[in-house]
Amino acid sequence: MQAIRTGYIRQITISSIFSLALIVTVLVASMPDVFAQDKELAPEVQLDLLVNSATKNMKAGRWEDAVQSFEKAMKLGVSLPGEFHYLYGKSLYKTGSYEYALSSLTIYLTLVGREGEYYEDAITLVVDAENKQKEKTRRTSESKQQKVEAVSETEDGMVYVKGGCFDMGDIFDAGASDEKPVHTVCVGDFYLGKTEVTQKQWEDVTGSNPAKFQCADCPVERVSWNNAQEFIKKLNEKTGMNYRLPTEAEWEYAARSGGLKEQWAGTNDEEKIGEYTWYGYTANGRTHAVAGKTPNAIGLYDMMGNVWEWCSDRYDKEYYKTSPSKDPQGPSYGKTRVLRGGGWRSKGRVLRTTDRNNMPPSIKKFSDMGFRLARDP
C-alpha cells in the first residue's frame, strides 16, 4: 500500500471525527446476555473476559465471533477504553461492516489522538474502510439504478424510498424529552404509500367504512392499530404481497424527504405548512381528500396533518437512549404504539417530523387517526 500523505491523513481523520463520531450501538436483539456463569461477576471482570475472548478470536481469524463478544461487552454499561474501539472497529472491518467500522475507529481516534498505540493502523483502516464503503455503495446503486428509475412509483401507489443514515430525533431542539437524544440511525430501502390509506381502499378490503367523515378519497380514520393489522392481513391474503406498517425510524426518514434536516415534511418554514397539508388552521374541522396538497421532496403526500399515522413500533419515551443504529424496530415491550405526523386538528408544533405520540393499540374513537402502508423491496 502506498504511504499515506500527512495532509491526507489529517483531512480524513478530521472529516471522520466530525462527521462519523457517533456511538455504535449495533445490538443484535436475539443475542443472549453474558454467559450464565459470569452473571455474578462484576461488570469490569466480565468486560475483561469478553475482550480476551474477542482477542483470541481475532488471532484465529474468527471475526464474526469477535464482533459478537465485543457487542456483548457493550451491553455491560461500563466505560470502554480507547483500545476497545480500535479492536471492535478492526473486527467490523474484517466482516465487511465498513460503515460501522468507520464509526468505531473514529471514536478510537477521537479518544486517543496521535498518541494512541494503534493510531497509524487506525488511520489506514479508516482510509480503506471509506474506499470499500464507497465501492460497496456504488455497486449497490448500479444494481438498483434501473429498478429505481423504472419504478419510482409502483402500480400499488407506493413510493420507493432509498435507505440511508440520518440523525433521528429533535435536531432543531424544539421538541419534547422523548425526542432525545438525537442519534444516528440507518434504514434499508423500502416502499411507502404515496398517501394514507383511503376509505375506498379500506372498504374494498373489509367491506365496511368506520370513518366519521365519509369520503371515498379521504383517509380512513377511527381505526386502531389492531384494526390496521387486521386490514393488512386481509390485504396480503388478497394480493399476495407483504404489506406492513412502517417503523418509526422509516416514517421519520421518509417524512424528512430521505433524512434531510426538515422540521416539517417538505419545509423548514412554519408559514408554509398550509401548502403541504390540512391542519388546525386550514382543515375547517375535518379530514380532506389525500394528495390535495404539495408532496415532500420524495413524492409523499400528507406526511403531516390530515390524520395521525400508526407505526409498527411499541412506544417507550426513553427508547432513543438505547435504540440500535441499524433498522431499529422499537422496544420489545410497551403498552402503547407509536403515532406520527399529526392530524387535521393539530397545530404546527406537533406536525414536526420528529414529534412522537402514542396510544393503546385498541383505541379507535378518534377521527384523526389513520395509517399508510409500507413494504420491503
Protein backbone atom coordinates (compact mmCIF):
# COMPACT_ATOMS: atom_id res chain seq x y z
CA MET A 1 0.00 0.00 0.00
CA GLN A 2 1.31 3.43 -0.85
CA ALA A 3 2.29 5.64 2.03
CA ILE A 4 -0.48 7.99 3.07
CA ARG A 5 0.43 11.65 2.86
CA THR A 6 0.29 13.52 6.16
CA GLY A 7 -2.12 16.12 4.84
CA TYR A 8 -4.46 13.48 3.50
CA ILE A 9 -4.37 11.62 6.81
CA ARG A 10 -5.25 14.78 8.64
CA GLN A 11 -8.11 15.52 6.24
CA ILE A 12 -9.53 12.01 6.52
CA THR A 13 -9.18 11.93 10.30
CA ILE A 14 -10.79 15.32 10.91
CA SER A 15 -13.59 14.59 8.45
CA SER A 16 -14.25 11.23 10.06
CA ILE A 17 -14.20 12.61 13.59
CA PHE A 18 -16.73 15.34 12.92
CA SER A 19 -19.00 13.53 10.50
CA LEU A 20 -18.88 10.00 11.85
CA ALA A 21 -18.33 10.38 15.59
CA LEU A 22 -21.42 8.51 16.63
CA ILE A 23 -21.66 5.87 19.30
CA VAL A 24 -22.05 2.50 17.65
CA THR A 25 -24.97 0.73 19.19
CA VAL A 26 -25.36 -2.16 16.80
CA LEU A 27 -27.13 -4.57 19.11
CA VAL A 28 -28.47 -7.91 17.96
CA ALA A 29 -31.85 -8.32 19.62
CA SER A 30 -31.65 -12.08 19.77
CA MET A 31 -28.15 -12.15 21.19
CA PRO A 32 -28.03 -13.65 24.70
CA ASP A 33 -26.61 -11.72 27.61
CA VAL A 34 -23.27 -12.55 29.20
CA PHE A 35 -22.89 -16.28 29.85
CA ALA A 36 -24.84 -17.53 32.84
CA GLN A 37 -21.71 -18.49 34.73
CA ASP A 38 -20.47 -14.90 34.51
CA LYS A 39 -23.65 -13.21 35.78
CA GLU A 40 -22.33 -12.96 39.33
CA LEU A 41 -19.07 -11.37 38.25
CA ALA A 42 -18.52 -7.62 38.36
CA PRO A 43 -19.15 -5.90 35.00
CA GLU A 44 -15.48 -4.91 34.81
CA VAL A 45 -14.44 -8.57 35.16
CA GLN A 46 -16.97 -9.61 32.54
CA LEU A 47 -15.56 -6.93 30.24
CA ASP A 48 -12.04 -8.36 30.59
CA LEU A 49 -13.27 -11.88 29.88
CA LEU A 50 -15.17 -10.81 26.79
CA VAL A 51 -12.32 -8.72 25.40
CA ASN A 52 -9.89 -11.60 25.97
CA SER A 53 -12.27 -13.95 24.17
CA ALA A 54 -12.64 -11.47 21.30
CA THR A 55 -8.88 -11.05 21.03
CA LYS A 56 -8.38 -14.80 20.78
CA ASN A 57 -10.99 -14.99 18.06
CA MET A 58 -9.27 -12.18 16.17
CA LYS A 59 -5.95 -14.01 16.27
CA ALA A 60 -7.67 -17.13 14.95
CA GLY A 61 -9.41 -15.18 12.19
CA ARG A 62 -12.88 -15.76 13.67
CA TRP A 63 -14.01 -12.20 13.07
CA GLU A 64 -17.76 -12.76 13.42
CA ASP A 65 -17.22 -14.38 16.83
CA ALA A 66 -15.00 -11.48 17.85
CA VAL A 67 -17.71 -8.97 16.89
CA GLN A 68 -20.27 -10.86 18.98
CA SER A 69 -18.01 -10.74 22.03
CA PHE A 70 -17.44 -7.02 21.61
CA GLU A 71 -21.17 -6.40 21.26
CA LYS A 72 -21.85 -8.34 24.46
CA ALA A 73 -19.27 -6.18 26.21
CA MET A 74 -21.04 -3.04 25.01
CA LYS A 75 -24.19 -4.19 26.82
CA LEU A 76 -22.47 -4.16 30.19
CA GLY A 77 -22.87 -0.42 30.61
CA VAL A 78 -19.27 0.18 31.71
CA SER A 79 -16.73 2.66 30.40
CA LEU A 80 -14.83 1.23 27.44
CA PRO A 81 -11.14 2.02 26.89
CA GLY A 82 -9.95 3.51 23.60
CA GLU A 83 -8.25 0.28 22.58
CA PHE A 84 -11.63 -1.48 22.72
CA HIS A 85 -12.99 0.72 19.92
CA TYR A 86 -9.96 0.05 17.73
CA LEU A 87 -10.26 -3.73 18.15
CA TYR A 88 -14.02 -3.63 17.61
CA GLY A 89 -13.59 -1.42 14.54
CA LYS A 90 -10.99 -3.75 13.07
CA SER A 91 -13.26 -6.76 13.59
CA LEU A 92 -16.17 -4.95 11.96
CA TYR A 93 -13.92 -4.06 9.03
CA LYS A 94 -12.93 -7.70 8.60
CA THR A 95 -16.59 -8.76 8.47
CA GLY A 96 -17.36 -6.19 5.77
CA SER A 97 -19.31 -3.84 8.04
CA TYR A 98 -17.36 -0.85 6.79
CA GLU A 99 -19.82 1.85 7.83
CA TYR A 100 -19.89 0.72 11.46
CA ALA A 101 -16.15 0.07 11.41
CA LEU A 102 -15.63 3.72 10.48
CA SER A 103 -17.74 4.81 13.44
CA SER A 104 -15.81 2.70 15.95
CA LEU A 105 -12.41 3.61 14.54
CA THR A 106 -13.33 7.29 14.60
CA ILE A 107 -14.24 7.01 18.28
CA TYR A 108 -10.83 5.44 18.92
CA LEU A 109 -9.04 8.29 17.12
CA THR A 110 -11.12 10.87 18.98
CA LEU A 111 -10.29 9.34 22.36
CA VAL A 112 -6.56 8.70 21.96
CA GLY A 113 -5.37 11.08 19.24
CA ARG A 114 -1.92 10.73 17.72
CA GLU A 115 -0.53 9.21 20.92
CA GLY A 116 -2.60 6.08 20.56
CA GLU A 117 -0.76 2.79 20.16
CA TYR A 118 -2.79 1.89 17.07
CA TYR A 119 -3.03 5.41 15.60
CA GLU A 120 -1.34 4.64 12.28
CA ASP A 121 -3.15 1.32 11.87
CA ALA A 122 -6.47 3.01 12.63
CA ILE A 123 -5.85 5.71 10.03
CA THR A 124 -5.05 3.05 7.43
CA LEU A 125 -8.23 1.14 8.28
CA VAL A 126 -10.29 4.35 8.09
CA VAL A 127 -9.00 5.09 4.60
CA ASP A 128 -9.52 1.51 3.43
CA ALA A 129 -12.99 1.29 5.02
CA GLU A 130 -14.09 4.55 3.39
CA ASN A 131 -12.90 3.34 -0.01
CA LYS A 132 -14.58 -0.05 0.39
CA GLN A 133 -17.80 1.53 1.63
CA LYS A 134 -17.88 3.87 -1.39
CA GLU A 135 -17.29 0.93 -3.72
CA LYS A 136 -19.99 -1.10 -1.97
CA THR A 137 -22.41 1.80 -2.26
CA ARG A 138 -21.54 2.31 -5.92
CA ARG A 139 -22.16 -1.34 -6.78
CA THR A 140 -25.45 -1.39 -4.89
CA SER A 141 -26.55 1.80 -6.59
CA GLU A 142 -25.70 0.50 -10.04
CA SER A 143 -27.52 -2.78 -9.46
CA LYS A 144 -30.68 -0.96 -8.41
CA GLN A 145 -30.50 2.04 -10.71
CA GLN A 146 -32.62 0.58 -13.47
CA LYS A 147 -35.22 -0.59 -10.99
CA VAL A 148 -35.34 2.77 -9.21
CA GLU A 149 -35.70 4.74 -12.43
CA ALA A 150 -38.43 2.47 -13.75
CA VAL A 151 -40.37 2.06 -10.51
CA SER A 152 -40.12 5.30 -8.54
CA GLU A 153 -43.84 4.91 -8.03
CA THR A 154 -45.35 1.45 -8.33
CA GLU A 155 -48.78 0.46 -9.54
CA ASP A 156 -49.97 -0.05 -5.97
CA GLY A 157 -49.37 3.60 -5.09
CA MET A 158 -46.09 3.06 -3.26
CA VAL A 159 -43.03 5.31 -3.48
CA TYR A 160 -39.57 3.74 -3.45
CA VAL A 161 -37.52 5.17 -0.58
CA LYS A 162 -33.77 4.70 -0.90
CA GLY A 163 -32.36 3.81 2.50
CA GLY A 164 -29.56 5.65 4.27
CA CYS A 165 -28.32 7.06 7.57
CA PHE A 166 -29.61 10.18 9.31
CA ASP A 167 -29.66 11.89 12.71
CA MET A 168 -33.01 10.86 14.18
CA GLY A 169 -34.72 12.93 16.82
CA ASP A 170 -35.03 16.56 17.86
CA ILE A 171 -32.35 18.04 15.57
CA PHE A 172 -33.84 21.53 15.95
CA ASP A 173 -34.05 21.40 19.76
CA ALA A 174 -37.72 22.31 19.59
CA GLY A 175 -39.42 19.19 20.92
CA ALA A 176 -40.14 17.08 23.97
CA SER A 177 -37.80 14.90 26.02
CA ASP A 178 -38.91 11.71 24.24
CA GLU A 179 -37.39 13.08 21.02
CA LYS A 180 -33.93 12.98 22.57
CA PRO A 181 -31.12 12.17 22.43
CA VAL A 182 -30.54 12.76 18.74
CA HIS A 183 -28.93 9.56 17.49
CA THR A 184 -27.71 8.25 14.16
CA VAL A 185 -29.93 5.63 12.53
CA CYS A 186 -29.53 3.72 9.28
CA VAL A 187 -32.55 2.27 7.49
CA GLY A 188 -32.65 -0.04 4.50
CA ASP A 189 -34.53 0.50 1.23
CA PHE A 190 -38.32 0.27 1.48
CA TYR A 191 -41.56 1.31 -0.18
CA LEU A 192 -44.02 3.66 1.49
CA GLY A 193 -47.57 4.56 0.49
CA LYS A 194 -47.74 7.74 -1.56
CA THR A 195 -50.81 8.63 0.51
CA GLU A 196 -52.57 7.50 3.64
CA VAL A 197 -54.90 4.53 3.17
CA THR A 198 -58.20 5.89 1.88
CA GLN A 199 -61.73 4.96 2.86
CA LYS A 200 -62.27 3.41 -0.58
CA GLN A 201 -59.19 1.21 -0.17
CA TRP A 202 -60.33 0.18 3.29
CA GLU A 203 -63.85 -0.61 2.15
CA ASP A 204 -62.62 -2.62 -0.86
CA VAL A 205 -60.75 -4.94 1.51
CA THR A 206 -63.04 -5.07 4.55
CA GLY A 207 -66.49 -4.27 3.16
CA SER A 208 -67.09 -1.57 5.78
CA ASN A 209 -66.17 2.05 6.47
CA PRO A 210 -65.61 3.20 10.07
CA ALA A 211 -64.77 6.83 9.21
CA LYS A 212 -66.60 9.75 10.75
CA PHE A 213 -66.06 11.96 7.71
CA GLN A 214 -67.42 9.79 4.91
CA CYS A 215 -65.47 10.48 1.70
CA ALA A 216 -64.05 7.81 -0.61
CA ASP A 217 -60.75 9.60 -1.26
CA CYS A 218 -60.28 10.87 2.29
CA PRO A 219 -58.05 8.89 4.63
CA VAL A 220 -59.75 6.17 6.62
CA GLU A 221 -59.95 7.17 10.30
CA ARG A 222 -61.31 5.91 13.58
CA VAL A 223 -59.16 2.79 13.12
CA SER A 224 -56.99 1.29 15.85
CA TRP A 225 -53.52 -0.19 15.47
CA ASN A 226 -55.16 -3.60 15.82
CA ASN A 227 -57.65 -2.69 13.07
CA ALA A 228 -54.77 -1.70 10.80
CA GLN A 229 -53.11 -5.08 11.38
CA GLU A 230 -56.34 -6.90 10.50
CA PHE A 231 -56.65 -4.84 7.32
CA ILE A 232 -53.05 -5.59 6.33
CA LYS A 233 -53.53 -9.30 6.90
CA LYS A 234 -56.58 -9.36 4.62
CA LEU A 235 -54.84 -7.19 2.03
CA ASN A 236 -51.82 -9.50 1.93
CA GLU A 237 -54.06 -12.54 1.54
CA LYS A 238 -55.91 -10.83 -1.29
CA THR A 239 -52.86 -9.51 -3.17
CA GLY A 240 -50.12 -12.00 -2.30
CA MET A 241 -47.94 -9.06 -1.24
CA ASN A 242 -46.28 -8.39 2.11
CA TYR A 243 -47.54 -5.01 3.25
CA ARG A 244 -46.89 -3.78 6.79
CA LEU A 245 -46.80 -0.61 8.86
CA PRO A 246 -43.60 1.46 8.65
CA THR A 247 -41.25 1.51 11.60
CA GLU A 248 -40.93 4.78 13.45
CA ALA A 249 -37.43 5.27 12.03
CA GLU A 250 -38.62 4.61 8.45
CA TRP A 251 -41.51 7.02 8.93
CA GLU A 252 -39.30 9.87 10.15
CA TYR A 253 -36.66 9.23 7.47
CA ALA A 254 -39.33 9.34 4.75
CA ALA A 255 -41.14 12.37 6.22
CA ARG A 256 -37.84 14.23 6.13
CA SER A 257 -37.51 13.52 2.40
CA GLY A 258 -34.88 10.85 2.92
CA GLY A 259 -33.30 12.06 6.15
CA LEU A 260 -32.95 15.76 5.29
CA LYS A 261 -32.96 18.36 8.05
CA GLU A 262 -36.64 19.20 7.63
CA GLN A 263 -38.60 20.38 10.65
CA TRP A 264 -41.88 19.78 8.81
CA ALA A 265 -42.46 17.33 5.97
CA GLY A 266 -41.28 19.27 2.92
CA THR A 267 -40.30 22.58 4.51
CA ASN A 268 -38.49 24.39 7.34
CA ASP A 269 -40.78 27.40 7.11
CA GLU A 270 -43.72 27.16 9.52
CA GLU A 271 -45.64 29.73 7.49
CA LYS A 272 -45.65 27.31 4.53
CA ILE A 273 -47.12 24.31 6.36
CA GLY A 274 -50.51 25.01 4.79
CA GLU A 275 -49.04 24.36 1.35
CA TYR A 276 -48.26 20.76 2.35
CA THR A 277 -51.18 19.66 4.50
CA TRP A 278 -54.59 20.14 6.04
CA TYR A 279 -54.19 21.06 9.71
CA GLY A 280 -55.61 23.14 12.54
CA TYR A 281 -55.78 26.49 10.75
CA THR A 282 -56.84 25.24 7.31
CA ALA A 283 -58.71 21.97 7.81
CA ASN A 284 -62.13 23.50 8.59
CA GLY A 285 -62.81 20.86 11.22
CA ARG A 286 -62.43 17.67 9.17
CA THR A 287 -60.22 15.46 7.00
CA HIS A 288 -59.76 16.10 3.28
CA ALA A 289 -59.06 14.02 0.18
CA VAL A 290 -55.49 12.69 0.05
CA ALA A 291 -52.89 14.15 -2.32
CA GLY A 292 -54.62 17.52 -2.36
CA LYS A 293 -51.56 19.44 -1.23
CA THR A 294 -47.87 19.62 -2.19
CA PRO A 295 -45.87 16.41 -1.57
CA ASN A 296 -42.47 16.38 0.12
CA ALA A 297 -39.28 16.06 -1.92
CA ILE A 298 -39.64 12.30 -2.48
CA GLY A 299 -43.28 12.40 -3.55
CA LEU A 300 -45.12 11.55 -0.32
CA TYR A 301 -48.37 13.37 0.44
CA ASP A 302 -49.80 14.35 3.84
CA MET A 303 -46.85 13.13 5.90
CA MET A 304 -48.13 15.68 8.38
CA GLY A 305 -51.71 16.60 9.10
CA ASN A 306 -54.97 15.10 7.81
CA VAL A 307 -54.66 12.04 10.11
CA TRP A 308 -52.10 10.74 12.59
CA GLU A 309 -50.36 7.63 11.24
CA TRP A 310 -49.78 4.41 13.15
CA CYS A 311 -46.25 2.96 13.10
CA SER A 312 -45.34 -0.63 13.87
CA ASP A 313 -43.25 0.19 16.98
CA ARG A 314 -44.17 -0.04 20.61
CA TYR A 315 -43.62 3.24 22.42
CA ASP A 316 -41.05 3.99 25.11
CA LYS A 317 -40.20 7.60 25.92
CA GLU A 318 -36.64 6.54 26.82
CA TYR A 319 -36.10 4.35 23.73
CA TYR A 320 -33.77 6.77 21.94
CA LYS A 321 -31.21 6.26 24.69
CA THR A 322 -30.78 2.58 23.77
CA SER A 323 -32.00 2.39 20.18
CA PRO A 324 -29.76 0.35 17.87
CA SER A 325 -28.40 2.27 14.92
CA LYS A 326 -29.37 -0.24 12.22
CA ASP A 327 -33.06 -0.58 11.30
CA PRO A 328 -34.48 -0.11 14.83
CA GLN A 329 -37.78 -1.90 15.37
CA GLY A 330 -38.77 -0.27 18.65
CA PRO A 331 -38.68 -1.64 22.19
CA SER A 332 -39.60 -5.26 22.87
CA TYR A 333 -42.18 -4.25 25.48
CA GLY A 334 -44.68 -1.42 25.74
CA LYS A 335 -48.40 -0.96 26.34
CA THR A 336 -48.89 1.64 23.61
CA ARG A 337 -47.96 2.04 19.93
CA VAL A 338 -46.35 4.97 18.12
CA LEU A 339 -48.29 7.54 16.09
CA ARG A 340 -46.62 10.14 13.89
CA GLY A 341 -47.39 13.21 11.80
CA GLY A 342 -50.28 14.97 13.50
CA GLY A 343 -53.84 15.27 12.21
CA TRP A 344 -56.42 17.70 10.89
CA ARG A 345 -56.94 19.34 14.29
CA SER A 346 -53.20 19.61 15.14
CA LYS A 347 -51.18 22.79 15.43
CA GLY A 348 -47.75 23.34 13.93
CA ARG A 349 -45.72 22.13 16.90
CA VAL A 350 -46.99 18.55 16.75
CA LEU A 351 -46.78 18.42 12.95
CA ARG A 352 -42.97 18.43 13.22
CA THR A 353 -41.23 15.44 11.63
CA THR A 354 -39.64 14.43 14.94
CA ASP A 355 -42.72 14.71 17.16
CA ARG A 356 -43.80 11.43 18.78
CA ASN A 357 -47.23 10.39 20.02
CA ASN A 358 -48.62 7.12 21.33
CA MET A 359 -51.93 5.42 22.03
CA PRO A 360 -53.11 1.98 23.18
CA PRO A 361 -53.30 -0.34 20.15
CA SER A 362 -57.02 -0.95 20.70
CA ILE A 363 -58.16 2.68 20.67
CA LYS A 364 -60.15 3.76 17.59
CA LYS A 365 -62.51 6.52 18.67
CA PHE A 366 -60.60 9.46 17.18
CA SER A 367 -61.41 10.84 13.73
CA ASP A 368 -57.84 11.97 13.15
CA MET A 369 -56.09 8.58 13.41
CA GLY A 370 -55.23 6.50 10.31
CA PHE A 371 -52.17 4.94 8.67
CA ARG A 372 -50.21 4.37 5.49
CA LEU A 373 -48.67 1.17 4.18
CA ALA A 374 -45.07 0.12 3.85
CA ARG A 375 -43.39 -2.94 2.32
CA ASP A 376 -39.91 -4.22 1.60
CA PRO A 377 -38.43 -4.11 -1.94
